C-alpha atoms as a PDB file:
ATOM      1  CA  UNK A   1     -13.532 -10.098   8.884  1.00  0.00           C
ATOM      2  CA  UNK A   2     -12.720  -7.980   5.833  1.00  0.00           C
ATOM      3  CA  UNK A   3     -12.031  -4.257   6.040  1.00  0.00           C
ATOM      4  CA  UNK A   4     -11.395  -1.824   3.193  1.00  0.00           C
ATOM      5  CA  UNK A   5      -9.167   1.106   4.038  1.00  0.00           C
ATOM      6  CA  UNK A   6     -10.009   4.047   1.772  1.00  0.00           C
ATOM      7  CA  UNK A   7      -7.368   6.702   1.337  1.00  0.00           C
ATOM      8  CA  UNK A   8      -6.196   9.336  -1.097  1.00  0.00           C
ATOM      9  CA  UNK A   9      -2.926   7.358  -1.183  1.00  0.00           C
ATOM     10  CA  UNK A  10      -4.648   4.151  -2.343  1.00  0.00           C
ATOM     11  CA  UNK A  11      -7.209   1.692  -1.065  1.00  0.00           C
ATOM     12  CA  UNK A  12      -6.189  -1.400   0.905  1.00  0.00           C
ATOM     13  CA  UNK A  13      -7.975  -4.593   1.886  1.00  0.00           C
ATOM     14  CA  UNK A  14      -7.179  -6.240   5.209  1.00  0.00           C
ATOM     15  CA  UNK A  15      -8.415  -9.319   7.034  1.00  0.00           C
ATOM     16  CA  UNK A  16      -8.385 -10.182  10.718  1.00  0.00           C
ATOM     17  CA  UNK A  17     -10.303 -11.338  13.749  1.00  0.00           C
ATOM     18  CA  UNK A  18     -13.940 -10.301  13.960  1.00  0.00           C
ATOM     19  CA  UNK A  19     -14.696  -7.318  16.193  1.00  0.00           C
ATOM     20  CA  UNK A  20     -17.553  -4.892  16.736  1.00  0.00           C
ATOM     21  CA  UNK A  21     -17.785  -1.507  15.048  1.00  0.00           C
ATOM     22  CA  UNK A  22     -17.079   0.127  18.409  1.00  0.00           C
ATOM     23  CA  UNK A  23     -13.918  -1.967  18.884  1.00  0.00           C
ATOM     24  CA  UNK A  24     -12.796  -1.139  15.352  1.00  0.00           C
ATOM     25  CA  UNK A  25     -13.287   2.590  15.978  1.00  0.00           C
ATOM     26  CA  UNK A  26     -11.180   2.315  19.154  1.00  0.00           C
ATOM     27  CA  UNK A  27      -8.425   0.529  17.210  1.00  0.00           C
ATOM     28  CA  UNK A  28      -8.601   3.197  14.498  1.00  0.00           C
ATOM     29  CA  UNK A  29      -8.343   6.008  17.074  1.00  0.00           C
ATOM     30  CA  UNK A  30      -5.314   4.395  18.702  1.00  0.00           C
ATOM     31  CA  UNK A  31      -3.381   4.073  15.432  1.00  0.00           C
ATOM     32  CA  UNK A  32      -4.388   7.347  13.759  1.00  0.00           C
ATOM     33  CA  UNK A  33      -2.934   9.261  16.725  1.00  0.00           C
ATOM     34  CA  UNK A  34       0.564   7.959  15.991  1.00  0.00           C
ATOM     35  CA  UNK A  35       0.573   7.152  12.255  1.00  0.00           C
ATOM     36  CA  UNK A  36       0.468   9.145   9.046  1.00  0.00           C
ATOM     37  CA  UNK A  37      -2.067   8.014   6.427  1.00  0.00           C
ATOM     38  CA  UNK A  38       0.725   6.491   4.328  1.00  0.00           C
ATOM     39  CA  UNK A  39       1.826   4.159   7.150  1.00  0.00           C
ATOM     40  CA  UNK A  40      -1.564   3.548   8.793  1.00  0.00           C
ATOM     41  CA  UNK A  41      -2.286   0.151   7.225  1.00  0.00           C
ATOM     42  CA  UNK A  42       1.089  -1.384   8.049  1.00  0.00           C
ATOM     43  CA  UNK A  43       0.975  -0.208  11.666  1.00  0.00           C
ATOM     44  CA  UNK A  44      -2.679  -1.230  12.092  1.00  0.00           C
ATOM     45  CA  UNK A  45      -1.943  -4.720  10.762  1.00  0.00           C
ATOM     46  CA  UNK A  46       1.174  -5.165  12.905  1.00  0.00           C
ATOM     47  CA  UNK A  47      -0.531  -3.937  16.073  1.00  0.00           C
ATOM     48  CA  UNK A  48      -3.767  -5.911  15.784  1.00  0.00           C
ATOM     49  CA  UNK A  49      -2.590  -9.015  13.831  1.00  0.00           C
ATOM     50  CA  UNK A  50      -4.454  -8.207  10.614  1.00  0.00           C
ATOM     51  CA  UNK A  51      -3.205  -9.286   7.197  1.00  0.00           C
ATOM     52  CA  UNK A  52      -3.091  -7.128   4.071  1.00  0.00           C
ATOM     53  CA  UNK A  53      -4.709  -8.782   1.044  1.00  0.00           C
ATOM     54  CA  UNK A  54      -4.782  -8.059  -2.671  1.00  0.00           C
ATOM     55  CA  UNK A  55      -7.266  -5.279  -3.402  1.00  0.00           C
ATOM     56  CA  UNK A  56     -10.372  -6.302  -5.323  1.00  0.00           C
ATOM     57  CA  UNK A  57     -13.058  -3.681  -5.929  1.00  0.00           C
ATOM     58  CA  UNK A  58     -15.789  -6.339  -6.105  1.00  0.00           C
ATOM     59  CA  UNK A  59     -15.297  -7.901  -2.674  1.00  0.00           C
ATOM     60  CA  UNK A  60     -17.962  -7.097  -0.103  1.00  0.00           C
ATOM     61  CA  UNK A  61     -16.352  -5.974   3.125  1.00  0.00           C
ATOM     62  CA  UNK A  62     -17.662  -5.915   6.684  1.00  0.00           C
ATOM     63  CA  UNK A  63     -16.364  -2.399   7.428  1.00  0.00           C
ATOM     64  CA  UNK A  64     -14.694   0.563   5.772  1.00  0.00           C
ATOM     65  CA  UNK A  65     -12.093   2.780   7.397  1.00  0.00           C
ATOM     66  CA  UNK A  66     -11.902   6.103   5.557  1.00  0.00           C
ATOM     67  CA  UNK A  67      -8.595   7.788   6.318  1.00  0.00           C
ATOM     68  CA  UNK A  68      -9.599  11.005   4.548  1.00  0.00           C
ATOM     69  CA  UNK A  69     -12.684  11.645   6.687  1.00  0.00           C
ATOM     70  CA  UNK A  70     -11.706   9.545   9.755  1.00  0.00           C
ATOM     71  CA  UNK A  71     -14.937   7.544   9.560  1.00  0.00           C
ATOM     72  CA  UNK A  72     -15.435   3.860  10.363  1.00  0.00           C
ATOM     73  CA  UNK A  73     -18.657   2.372   9.026  1.00  0.00           C
ATOM     74  CA  UNK A  74     -20.406  -0.758   7.731  1.00  0.00           C
ATOM     75  CA  UNK A  75     -21.205  -0.296   4.032  1.00  0.00           C
ATOM     76  CA  UNK A  76     -24.698  -0.937   2.736  1.00  0.00           C
ATOM     77  CA  UNK A  77     -24.942  -3.308  -0.241  1.00  0.00           C
END
């Protein structure tokens, strides 16, 4: 599963085990309560065994986590 993390501090691309949108929102809520936006990706990856990948703007992702608006959604292509 590929997830793009959008942030004012820079976009990130992560990969990990497939989960539902609801599960992803629960994971997001758990981490955002304890992490600043600058450390969110590292803590999210460590906690849920995701891997950070090289960012590529042309990769289609399964979900987007927007740290600026606190939204988790599946993009429409």
